[in-house]
N, C-alpha and C. Protein backbone atom coordinates (compact mmCIF):
# COMPACT_ATOMS: atom_id res chain seq x y z
N MET A 1 179.92 235.08 174.46
CA MET A 1 179.60 234.69 175.82
C MET A 1 180.90 234.49 176.60
N LYS A 2 180.95 235.07 177.77
CA LYS A 2 182.14 234.98 178.61
C LYS A 2 182.26 233.58 179.21
N GLN A 3 183.43 232.97 179.05
CA GLN A 3 183.68 231.65 179.63
C GLN A 3 183.92 231.79 181.13
N PRO A 4 183.43 230.82 181.93
CA PRO A 4 183.71 230.86 183.37
C PRO A 4 185.21 230.74 183.62
N LEU A 5 185.68 231.43 184.63
CA LEU A 5 187.09 231.38 184.99
C LEU A 5 187.35 230.25 185.96
N ASP A 6 188.54 229.67 185.86
CA ASP A 6 188.89 228.69 186.89
C ASP A 6 189.57 229.43 188.05
N SER A 7 189.87 228.70 189.13
CA SER A 7 190.38 229.36 190.34
C SER A 7 191.74 230.03 190.11
N ASP A 8 192.58 229.50 189.21
CA ASP A 8 193.87 230.15 188.94
C ASP A 8 193.67 231.51 188.28
N GLU A 9 192.70 231.59 187.38
CA GLU A 9 192.42 232.86 186.71
C GLU A 9 191.85 233.88 187.70
N ILE A 10 191.06 233.41 188.64
CA ILE A 10 190.49 234.32 189.65
C ILE A 10 191.61 234.99 190.43
N GLU A 11 192.62 234.22 190.81
CA GLU A 11 193.73 234.77 191.58
C GLU A 11 194.45 235.87 190.80
N LYS A 12 194.46 235.78 189.47
CA LYS A 12 195.17 236.76 188.64
C LYS A 12 194.37 238.04 188.47
N GLU A 13 193.09 238.00 188.66
CA GLU A 13 192.24 239.16 188.45
C GLU A 13 192.34 240.12 189.63
N ASP A 14 192.69 241.39 189.34
CA ASP A 14 192.83 242.39 190.40
C ASP A 14 191.54 242.60 191.18
N HIS A 15 190.41 242.59 190.50
CA HIS A 15 189.16 242.89 191.17
C HIS A 15 188.66 241.74 192.05
N SER A 16 189.38 240.63 192.08
CA SER A 16 188.98 239.54 192.98
C SER A 16 189.61 239.71 194.36
N ASN A 17 190.46 240.72 194.52
CA ASN A 17 191.13 240.92 195.81
C ASN A 17 190.17 241.23 196.94
N TYR A 18 188.97 241.68 196.64
CA TYR A 18 188.02 241.99 197.70
C TYR A 18 187.66 240.73 198.50
N LEU A 19 187.89 239.55 197.95
CA LEU A 19 187.59 238.31 198.67
C LEU A 19 188.77 237.83 199.51
N ALA A 20 189.95 238.39 199.30
CA ALA A 20 191.15 237.95 200.02
C ALA A 20 191.00 237.96 201.55
N PRO A 21 190.37 238.97 202.14
CA PRO A 21 190.25 238.97 203.60
C PRO A 21 189.41 237.81 204.15
N TYR A 22 188.68 237.13 203.30
CA TYR A 22 187.78 236.07 203.75
C TYR A 22 188.36 234.67 203.55
N HIS A 23 189.53 234.55 202.95
CA HIS A 23 190.12 233.24 202.66
C HIS A 23 190.28 232.41 203.93
N GLY A 24 190.92 232.96 204.96
CA GLY A 24 191.15 232.21 206.20
C GLY A 24 189.84 231.82 206.86
N TRP A 25 188.88 232.75 206.88
CA TRP A 25 187.59 232.47 207.50
C TRP A 25 186.87 231.33 206.76
N LEU A 26 186.85 231.41 205.43
CA LEU A 26 186.19 230.37 204.64
C LEU A 26 186.86 229.01 204.83
N ARG A 27 188.19 229.00 204.82
CA ARG A 27 188.91 227.74 204.99
C ARG A 27 188.61 227.13 206.36
N LEU A 28 188.60 227.97 207.40
CA LEU A 28 188.31 227.48 208.75
C LEU A 28 186.88 226.96 208.84
N MET A 29 185.92 227.69 208.29
CA MET A 29 184.53 227.23 208.32
C MET A 29 184.38 225.90 207.56
N ALA A 30 185.06 225.77 206.43
CA ALA A 30 185.02 224.52 205.67
C ALA A 30 185.65 223.39 206.48
N ARG A 31 186.79 223.66 207.10
CA ARG A 31 187.48 222.65 207.91
C ARG A 31 186.57 222.15 209.04
N LEU A 32 185.80 223.06 209.64
CA LEU A 32 184.93 222.69 210.75
C LEU A 32 183.75 221.83 210.29
N GLN A 33 183.37 221.92 209.02
CA GLN A 33 182.22 221.15 208.53
C GLN A 33 182.60 219.77 208.01
N LEU A 34 183.84 219.61 207.62
CA LEU A 34 184.25 218.35 207.00
C LEU A 34 184.73 217.38 208.05
N ASP A 35 184.36 216.13 207.89
CA ASP A 35 184.90 215.12 208.78
C ASP A 35 185.84 214.22 207.99
N GLY A 36 186.52 213.35 208.66
CA GLY A 36 187.57 212.54 208.06
C GLY A 36 187.17 211.70 206.87
N ARG A 37 185.90 211.34 206.75
CA ARG A 37 185.52 210.44 205.67
C ARG A 37 185.63 211.09 204.29
N TRP A 38 185.73 212.40 204.22
CA TRP A 38 185.80 213.08 202.93
C TRP A 38 187.22 213.43 202.53
N ASN A 39 188.20 213.23 203.43
CA ASN A 39 189.57 213.68 203.18
C ASN A 39 190.15 213.18 201.86
N ARG A 40 189.81 211.98 201.46
CA ARG A 40 190.38 211.45 200.21
C ARG A 40 189.65 211.95 198.97
N LYS A 41 188.49 212.53 199.17
CA LYS A 41 187.69 213.02 198.05
C LYS A 41 187.86 214.52 197.85
N PHE A 42 187.76 215.27 198.93
CA PHE A 42 187.92 216.72 198.88
C PHE A 42 188.28 217.21 200.27
N ASP A 43 188.87 218.40 200.31
CA ASP A 43 189.27 218.96 201.61
C ASP A 43 188.89 220.44 201.67
N ALA A 44 189.28 221.08 202.76
CA ALA A 44 188.92 222.48 202.97
C ALA A 44 189.45 223.38 201.85
N SER A 45 190.62 223.08 201.32
CA SER A 45 191.18 223.90 200.23
C SER A 45 190.34 223.79 198.96
N ASP A 46 189.86 222.58 198.67
CA ASP A 46 188.99 222.40 197.50
C ASP A 46 187.70 223.20 197.67
N ILE A 47 187.14 223.13 198.87
CA ILE A 47 185.89 223.85 199.16
C ILE A 47 186.14 225.36 199.06
N LEU A 48 187.28 225.83 199.60
CA LEU A 48 187.63 227.25 199.53
C LEU A 48 187.69 227.71 198.08
N GLN A 49 188.41 226.99 197.24
CA GLN A 49 188.56 227.40 195.84
C GLN A 49 187.21 227.48 195.13
N GLN A 50 186.38 226.47 195.32
CA GLN A 50 185.08 226.47 194.64
C GLN A 50 184.18 227.58 195.17
N THR A 51 184.24 227.83 196.49
CA THR A 51 183.43 228.91 197.08
C THR A 51 183.87 230.26 196.54
N LEU A 52 185.18 230.49 196.46
CA LEU A 52 185.69 231.75 195.92
C LEU A 52 185.30 231.92 194.45
N LEU A 53 185.38 230.84 193.70
CA LEU A 53 185.00 230.89 192.29
C LEU A 53 183.52 231.28 192.15
N GLU A 54 182.66 230.63 192.92
CA GLU A 54 181.23 230.92 192.83
C GLU A 54 180.91 232.33 193.35
N ALA A 55 181.63 232.78 194.37
CA ALA A 55 181.42 234.13 194.89
C ALA A 55 181.83 235.16 193.84
N TRP A 56 182.95 234.92 193.19
CA TRP A 56 183.42 235.85 192.17
C TRP A 56 182.44 235.91 191.00
N ILE A 57 181.99 234.75 190.56
CA ILE A 57 181.04 234.70 189.44
C ILE A 57 179.72 235.36 189.82
N GLY A 58 179.28 235.16 191.06
CA GLY A 58 177.99 235.67 191.50
C GLY A 58 178.04 237.02 192.19
N GLU A 59 179.16 237.72 192.11
CA GLU A 59 179.31 239.00 192.82
C GLU A 59 178.21 240.00 192.48
N SER A 60 177.77 240.00 191.24
CA SER A 60 176.74 240.98 190.85
C SER A 60 175.42 240.75 191.58
N ALA A 61 175.22 239.55 192.11
CA ALA A 61 173.98 239.25 192.85
C ALA A 61 174.07 239.68 194.31
N PHE A 62 175.28 240.00 194.79
CA PHE A 62 175.44 240.40 196.19
C PHE A 62 174.80 241.77 196.40
N GLN A 63 173.91 241.87 197.38
CA GLN A 63 173.15 243.09 197.62
C GLN A 63 173.60 243.88 198.84
N GLY A 64 174.55 243.37 199.60
CA GLY A 64 174.92 244.01 200.86
C GLY A 64 176.01 245.05 200.73
N ASN A 65 176.28 245.71 201.87
CA ASN A 65 177.32 246.74 201.93
C ASN A 65 178.31 246.51 203.06
N THR A 66 177.96 245.68 204.03
CA THR A 66 178.79 245.53 205.23
C THR A 66 179.54 244.21 205.22
N THR A 67 180.53 244.14 206.10
CA THR A 67 181.27 242.89 206.28
C THR A 67 180.34 241.78 206.73
N ALA A 68 179.44 242.10 207.65
CA ALA A 68 178.51 241.09 208.16
C ALA A 68 177.64 240.53 207.03
N GLU A 69 177.19 241.40 206.14
CA GLU A 69 176.36 240.95 205.02
C GLU A 69 177.17 240.10 204.04
N ARG A 70 178.42 240.49 203.81
CA ARG A 70 179.27 239.70 202.91
C ARG A 70 179.54 238.33 203.51
N ILE A 71 179.80 238.28 204.82
CA ILE A 71 180.04 236.99 205.47
C ILE A 71 178.80 236.10 205.38
N ALA A 72 177.63 236.67 205.60
CA ALA A 72 176.39 235.89 205.51
C ALA A 72 176.23 235.34 204.09
N TRP A 73 176.52 236.16 203.09
CA TRP A 73 176.43 235.74 201.69
C TRP A 73 177.43 234.61 201.41
N LEU A 74 178.67 234.78 201.86
CA LEU A 74 179.69 233.75 201.65
C LEU A 74 179.34 232.46 202.39
N ARG A 75 178.74 232.60 203.57
CA ARG A 75 178.33 231.42 204.34
C ARG A 75 177.29 230.61 203.55
N THR A 76 176.39 231.29 202.88
CA THR A 76 175.38 230.61 202.07
C THR A 76 176.03 229.88 200.89
N ILE A 77 176.96 230.53 200.22
CA ILE A 77 177.67 229.90 199.10
C ILE A 77 178.45 228.70 199.61
N LEU A 78 179.15 228.86 200.72
CA LEU A 78 179.93 227.77 201.31
C LEU A 78 179.03 226.56 201.59
N GLY A 79 177.87 226.80 202.16
CA GLY A 79 176.94 225.71 202.46
C GLY A 79 176.51 224.97 201.20
N ARG A 80 176.23 225.72 200.14
CA ARG A 80 175.84 225.09 198.87
C ARG A 80 176.98 224.25 198.29
N VAL A 81 178.20 224.79 198.35
CA VAL A 81 179.35 224.08 197.79
C VAL A 81 179.59 222.78 198.56
N ILE A 82 179.59 222.85 199.88
CA ILE A 82 179.81 221.64 200.68
C ILE A 82 178.69 220.63 200.42
N GLY A 83 177.45 221.10 200.40
CA GLY A 83 176.32 220.21 200.15
C GLY A 83 176.44 219.49 198.82
N ARG A 84 176.85 220.22 197.80
CA ARG A 84 177.01 219.64 196.46
C ARG A 84 178.12 218.59 196.46
N GLU A 85 179.25 218.89 197.11
CA GLU A 85 180.36 217.93 197.15
C GLU A 85 179.97 216.67 197.92
N VAL A 86 179.28 216.84 199.02
CA VAL A 86 178.85 215.68 199.81
C VAL A 86 177.90 214.82 198.98
N ARG A 87 176.94 215.45 198.30
CA ARG A 87 176.01 214.70 197.45
C ARG A 87 176.75 213.94 196.36
N LYS A 88 177.74 214.60 195.77
CA LYS A 88 178.48 213.97 194.67
C LYS A 88 179.18 212.69 195.14
N TYR A 89 179.81 212.73 196.31
CA TYR A 89 180.57 211.58 196.78
C TYR A 89 179.78 210.66 197.69
N ASP A 90 178.62 211.09 198.09
CA ASP A 90 177.77 210.27 198.96
C ASP A 90 176.83 209.40 198.15
N GLY A 91 176.80 209.63 196.85
CA GLY A 91 175.94 208.84 195.99
C GLY A 91 174.50 209.31 195.95
N THR A 92 174.21 210.45 196.54
CA THR A 92 172.84 210.97 196.50
C THR A 92 172.78 212.05 195.44
N GLN A 93 171.95 211.83 194.46
CA GLN A 93 171.83 212.78 193.36
C GLN A 93 170.83 213.89 193.68
N MET A 94 169.84 213.55 194.47
CA MET A 94 168.78 214.51 194.76
C MET A 94 169.19 215.42 195.91
N ARG A 95 168.75 216.64 195.84
CA ARG A 95 168.96 217.58 196.94
C ARG A 95 168.11 217.13 198.11
N ASP A 96 168.66 217.27 199.30
CA ASP A 96 167.91 216.98 200.52
C ASP A 96 167.83 218.28 201.31
N PRO A 97 166.70 219.00 201.21
CA PRO A 97 166.59 220.29 201.90
C PRO A 97 166.85 220.18 203.40
N GLY A 98 166.46 219.07 204.01
CA GLY A 98 166.72 218.88 205.44
C GLY A 98 168.20 218.82 205.75
N ARG A 99 168.94 218.08 204.92
CA ARG A 99 170.38 217.97 205.11
C ARG A 99 171.06 219.32 204.86
N GLU A 100 170.60 220.04 203.83
CA GLU A 100 171.19 221.34 203.52
C GLU A 100 170.92 222.35 204.63
N LEU A 101 169.72 222.30 205.20
CA LEU A 101 169.39 223.19 206.31
C LEU A 101 170.26 222.85 207.52
N SER A 102 170.45 221.57 207.77
CA SER A 102 171.31 221.14 208.87
C SER A 102 172.74 221.61 208.66
N LEU A 103 173.24 221.50 207.44
CA LEU A 103 174.59 221.96 207.12
C LEU A 103 174.70 223.47 207.31
N GLN A 104 173.69 224.22 206.85
CA GLN A 104 173.72 225.67 207.00
C GLN A 104 173.71 226.05 208.47
N ARG A 105 172.91 225.36 209.27
CA ARG A 105 172.89 225.62 210.71
C ARG A 105 174.24 225.31 211.35
N SER A 106 174.88 224.25 210.89
CA SER A 106 176.19 223.89 211.42
C SER A 106 177.23 224.97 211.09
N ILE A 107 177.18 225.50 209.88
CA ILE A 107 178.09 226.59 209.50
C ILE A 107 177.80 227.82 210.34
N ASP A 108 176.52 228.14 210.53
CA ASP A 108 176.15 229.28 211.37
C ASP A 108 176.65 229.07 212.80
N GLN A 109 176.51 227.85 213.33
CA GLN A 109 176.96 227.56 214.69
C GLN A 109 178.48 227.72 214.80
N SER A 110 179.22 227.28 213.79
CA SER A 110 180.67 227.45 213.80
C SER A 110 181.04 228.92 213.83
N SER A 111 180.30 229.72 213.09
CA SER A 111 180.54 231.16 213.07
C SER A 111 180.26 231.77 214.45
N ILE A 112 179.20 231.31 215.10
CA ILE A 112 178.87 231.80 216.45
C ILE A 112 179.96 231.40 217.43
N LEU A 113 180.46 230.17 217.33
CA LEU A 113 181.54 229.73 218.22
C LEU A 113 182.80 230.57 218.01
N LEU A 114 183.07 230.94 216.78
CA LEU A 114 184.21 231.80 216.50
C LEU A 114 184.01 233.17 217.13
N ASP A 115 182.78 233.70 217.07
CA ASP A 115 182.46 234.96 217.75
C ASP A 115 182.72 234.86 219.25
N LYS A 116 182.27 233.76 219.86
CA LYS A 116 182.47 233.57 221.31
C LYS A 116 183.95 233.48 221.64
N MET A 117 184.69 232.78 220.80
CA MET A 117 186.13 232.68 221.03
C MET A 117 186.77 234.05 220.93
N LEU A 118 186.35 234.83 219.96
CA LEU A 118 186.86 236.19 219.79
C LEU A 118 186.58 237.02 221.03
N ALA A 119 185.37 236.94 221.55
CA ALA A 119 185.00 237.70 222.74
C ALA A 119 185.84 237.27 223.94
N ALA A 120 186.13 235.99 224.06
CA ALA A 120 186.92 235.50 225.18
C ALA A 120 188.39 235.88 225.07
N GLU A 121 188.89 235.98 223.86
CA GLU A 121 190.31 236.25 223.65
C GLU A 121 190.65 237.73 223.61
N THR A 122 189.67 238.58 223.43
CA THR A 122 189.94 240.00 223.31
C THR A 122 189.13 240.76 224.33
N ASP A 123 189.72 241.81 224.85
CA ASP A 123 189.00 242.54 225.90
C ASP A 123 189.02 244.05 225.72
N THR A 124 189.31 244.51 224.52
CA THR A 124 189.31 245.95 224.29
C THR A 124 188.08 246.35 223.49
N PRO A 125 187.49 247.51 223.79
CA PRO A 125 186.28 247.93 223.07
C PRO A 125 186.48 248.02 221.56
N SER A 126 187.68 248.43 221.13
CA SER A 126 187.90 248.56 219.69
C SER A 126 187.80 247.21 218.99
N VAL A 127 188.19 246.15 219.69
CA VAL A 127 188.13 244.83 219.09
C VAL A 127 186.69 244.38 218.93
N HIS A 128 185.83 244.78 219.86
CA HIS A 128 184.43 244.38 219.79
C HIS A 128 183.63 245.24 218.81
N ALA A 129 184.24 246.30 218.27
CA ALA A 129 183.52 247.23 217.40
C ALA A 129 182.91 246.55 216.19
N ASP A 130 183.66 245.71 215.52
CA ASP A 130 183.14 245.01 214.35
C ASP A 130 183.51 243.54 214.44
N ASN A 131 182.68 242.77 215.14
CA ASN A 131 182.99 241.36 215.36
C ASN A 131 183.13 240.57 214.07
N ARG A 132 182.36 240.89 213.06
CA ARG A 132 182.45 240.14 211.81
C ARG A 132 183.81 240.36 211.15
N GLU A 133 184.27 241.58 211.14
CA GLU A 133 185.59 241.84 210.58
C GLU A 133 186.66 241.16 211.41
N GLN A 134 186.52 241.24 212.73
CA GLN A 134 187.48 240.59 213.62
C GLN A 134 187.43 239.07 213.44
N GLN A 135 186.25 238.56 213.17
CA GLN A 135 186.10 237.13 212.96
C GLN A 135 186.95 236.67 211.78
N THR A 136 186.99 237.47 210.72
CA THR A 136 187.81 237.10 209.57
C THR A 136 189.29 237.15 209.93
N ILE A 137 189.67 238.11 210.76
CA ILE A 137 191.08 238.21 211.19
C ILE A 137 191.46 237.01 212.03
N ILE A 138 190.65 236.68 213.03
CA ILE A 138 191.01 235.58 213.92
C ILE A 138 191.02 234.26 213.16
N ALA A 139 190.10 234.08 212.23
CA ALA A 139 190.09 232.85 211.42
C ALA A 139 191.36 232.78 210.58
N ASP A 140 191.76 233.90 210.00
CA ASP A 140 192.97 233.94 209.19
C ASP A 140 194.19 233.60 210.05
N VAL A 141 194.23 234.13 211.27
CA VAL A 141 195.35 233.85 212.17
C VAL A 141 195.34 232.37 212.57
N ILE A 142 194.17 231.82 212.89
CA ILE A 142 194.10 230.39 213.23
C ILE A 142 194.64 229.55 212.08
N GLU A 143 194.26 229.89 210.87
CA GLU A 143 194.73 229.14 209.70
C GLU A 143 196.24 229.28 209.49
N SER A 144 196.84 230.36 210.00
CA SER A 144 198.28 230.56 209.82
C SER A 144 199.12 229.91 210.92
N LEU A 145 198.47 229.41 211.96
CA LEU A 145 199.20 228.78 213.07
C LEU A 145 199.81 227.45 212.64
N PRO A 146 200.86 227.01 213.34
CA PRO A 146 201.38 225.67 213.07
C PRO A 146 200.26 224.63 213.24
N GLU A 147 200.35 223.55 212.50
CA GLU A 147 199.28 222.53 212.46
C GLU A 147 198.84 222.06 213.84
N ASP A 148 199.78 221.77 214.75
CA ASP A 148 199.37 221.27 216.07
C ASP A 148 198.65 222.34 216.88
N TYR A 149 199.07 223.59 216.78
CA TYR A 149 198.37 224.68 217.46
C TYR A 149 196.96 224.85 216.88
N ARG A 150 196.89 224.87 215.56
CA ARG A 150 195.59 225.04 214.90
C ARG A 150 194.64 223.92 215.30
N GLU A 151 195.14 222.69 215.28
CA GLU A 151 194.27 221.56 215.58
C GLU A 151 193.75 221.59 217.01
N VAL A 152 194.61 221.92 217.97
CA VAL A 152 194.15 221.93 219.36
C VAL A 152 193.16 223.07 219.60
N ILE A 153 193.34 224.21 218.96
CA ILE A 153 192.39 225.32 219.11
C ILE A 153 191.05 224.96 218.46
N VAL A 154 191.09 224.39 217.27
CA VAL A 154 189.85 223.99 216.60
C VAL A 154 189.10 222.96 217.44
N LEU A 155 189.80 221.95 217.92
CA LEU A 155 189.14 220.90 218.70
C LEU A 155 188.60 221.43 220.02
N ARG A 156 189.38 222.22 220.72
CA ARG A 156 188.96 222.68 222.05
C ARG A 156 187.96 223.83 221.98
N ASN A 157 188.30 224.88 221.25
CA ASN A 157 187.50 226.10 221.26
C ASN A 157 186.35 226.11 220.27
N LEU A 158 186.51 225.44 219.16
CA LEU A 158 185.48 225.52 218.13
C LEU A 158 184.64 224.26 218.01
N ARG A 159 185.18 223.14 218.43
CA ARG A 159 184.38 221.90 218.41
C ARG A 159 183.97 221.47 219.80
N GLY A 160 184.53 222.09 220.83
CA GLY A 160 184.10 221.83 222.20
C GLY A 160 184.60 220.53 222.80
N PHE A 161 185.68 219.96 222.27
CA PHE A 161 186.23 218.73 222.84
C PHE A 161 186.84 219.02 224.21
N SER A 162 186.78 218.04 225.08
CA SER A 162 187.46 218.14 226.38
C SER A 162 188.95 217.88 226.16
N HIS A 163 189.76 218.22 227.16
CA HIS A 163 191.20 217.94 227.05
C HIS A 163 191.44 216.43 226.92
N ALA A 164 190.65 215.64 227.62
CA ALA A 164 190.79 214.18 227.55
C ALA A 164 190.47 213.67 226.14
N GLU A 165 189.42 214.20 225.52
CA GLU A 165 189.06 213.78 224.16
C GLU A 165 190.14 214.18 223.16
N ILE A 166 190.70 215.37 223.35
CA ILE A 166 191.77 215.83 222.46
C ILE A 166 192.99 214.94 222.63
N ALA A 167 193.33 214.63 223.89
CA ALA A 167 194.49 213.77 224.16
C ALA A 167 194.35 212.43 223.45
N LYS A 168 193.17 211.86 223.50
CA LYS A 168 192.93 210.58 222.83
C LYS A 168 193.07 210.73 221.32
N LYS A 169 192.48 211.77 220.77
CA LYS A 169 192.53 211.99 219.32
C LYS A 169 193.95 212.25 218.83
N LEU A 170 194.72 213.03 219.60
CA LEU A 170 196.08 213.38 219.19
C LEU A 170 197.13 212.38 219.67
N GLU A 171 196.66 211.39 220.44
CA GLU A 171 197.55 210.38 221.00
C GLU A 171 198.67 211.01 221.83
N ARG A 172 198.25 211.89 222.73
CA ARG A 172 199.15 212.55 223.68
C ARG A 172 198.53 212.43 225.06
N ASN A 173 199.34 212.71 226.10
CA ASN A 173 198.72 212.68 227.42
C ASN A 173 198.00 214.01 227.66
N GLU A 174 197.10 213.97 228.62
CA GLU A 174 196.21 215.11 228.84
C GLU A 174 196.97 216.37 229.25
N SER A 175 197.99 216.23 230.10
CA SER A 175 198.70 217.46 230.51
C SER A 175 199.51 218.04 229.35
N ALA A 176 200.00 217.20 228.45
CA ALA A 176 200.70 217.72 227.26
C ALA A 176 199.72 218.49 226.38
N VAL A 177 198.49 218.00 226.29
CA VAL A 177 197.46 218.69 225.50
C VAL A 177 197.13 220.03 226.12
N ARG A 178 197.00 220.08 227.45
CA ARG A 178 196.71 221.34 228.13
C ARG A 178 197.81 222.37 227.86
N MET A 179 199.06 221.94 227.95
CA MET A 179 200.19 222.85 227.70
C MET A 179 200.21 223.30 226.24
N LEU A 180 199.96 222.38 225.34
CA LEU A 180 199.91 222.72 223.92
C LEU A 180 198.81 223.75 223.67
N TRP A 181 197.65 223.54 224.27
CA TRP A 181 196.52 224.44 224.10
C TRP A 181 196.85 225.83 224.64
N LEU A 182 197.48 225.90 225.82
CA LEU A 182 197.85 227.21 226.39
C LEU A 182 198.86 227.93 225.50
N ARG A 183 199.85 227.20 225.00
CA ARG A 183 200.83 227.82 224.09
C ARG A 183 200.15 228.29 222.80
N ALA A 184 199.23 227.48 222.30
CA ALA A 184 198.51 227.84 221.08
C ALA A 184 197.67 229.10 221.29
N LEU A 185 196.97 229.18 222.42
CA LEU A 185 196.17 230.37 222.72
C LEU A 185 197.05 231.61 222.85
N ASN A 186 198.19 231.45 223.49
CA ASN A 186 199.11 232.57 223.65
C ASN A 186 199.61 233.05 222.28
N GLU A 187 199.96 232.12 221.42
CA GLU A 187 200.42 232.49 220.07
C GLU A 187 199.29 233.13 219.28
N LEU A 188 198.09 232.60 219.41
CA LEU A 188 196.93 233.18 218.74
C LEU A 188 196.71 234.62 219.20
N ARG A 189 196.72 234.83 220.49
CA ARG A 189 196.52 236.17 221.06
C ARG A 189 197.59 237.13 220.55
N THR A 190 198.84 236.70 220.57
CA THR A 190 199.95 237.55 220.12
C THR A 190 199.77 237.95 218.65
N ARG A 191 199.43 236.99 217.82
CA ARG A 191 199.27 237.28 216.39
C ARG A 191 198.05 238.15 216.10
N VAL A 192 196.96 237.92 216.83
CA VAL A 192 195.76 238.75 216.62
C VAL A 192 196.06 240.19 217.02
N LEU A 193 196.69 240.38 218.18
CA LEU A 193 197.01 241.74 218.63
C LEU A 193 197.99 242.43 217.69
N ALA A 194 198.89 241.68 217.09
CA ALA A 194 199.85 242.27 216.14
C ALA A 194 199.14 242.78 214.88
N ARG A 195 198.00 242.22 214.57
CA ARG A 195 197.24 242.63 213.37
C ARG A 195 196.28 243.77 213.65
N GLN A 196 196.17 244.18 214.91
CA GLN A 196 195.25 245.26 215.29
C GLN A 196 195.81 246.60 214.85
């Protein structure tokens, strides 16, 4: 019987490279679902590793052919992983289908917000050709940005915070937040276009 691989072994396996384009997207989706109360227990990187491990182990069950189908499949795995971690540290042993459905909807909503951000940031027909593939690129670029740029983009564009709310959270004045956000968007746009 084949022993399950840990995340370090997955990275060494050549055939696991098919998941590499989704690392940034998965990390961003995990980051959007987690709130501060879990930071000491688990974080987006922990969720990413477990999701990749489960995707690799369950690859034979994947029935799709397109990027959109793979993203939908990974979104489902991500939802299960987050739900399991929350249950483990929340003290609830039983599955709560209502909570899991709410979590899945939240992940879906984050993905939709990323699509909207992509549409707003890009204006060429070729970019709109495959939004799911572009979504993985933009998520990867967001994850590669400096921490302050990434945080302001996530808060403003993906969580819908106002500039005033971001200023309070980041302990900066509102006009500094606006300038930071504009610089972050410019850097995001530059990096996305460079990957085209």
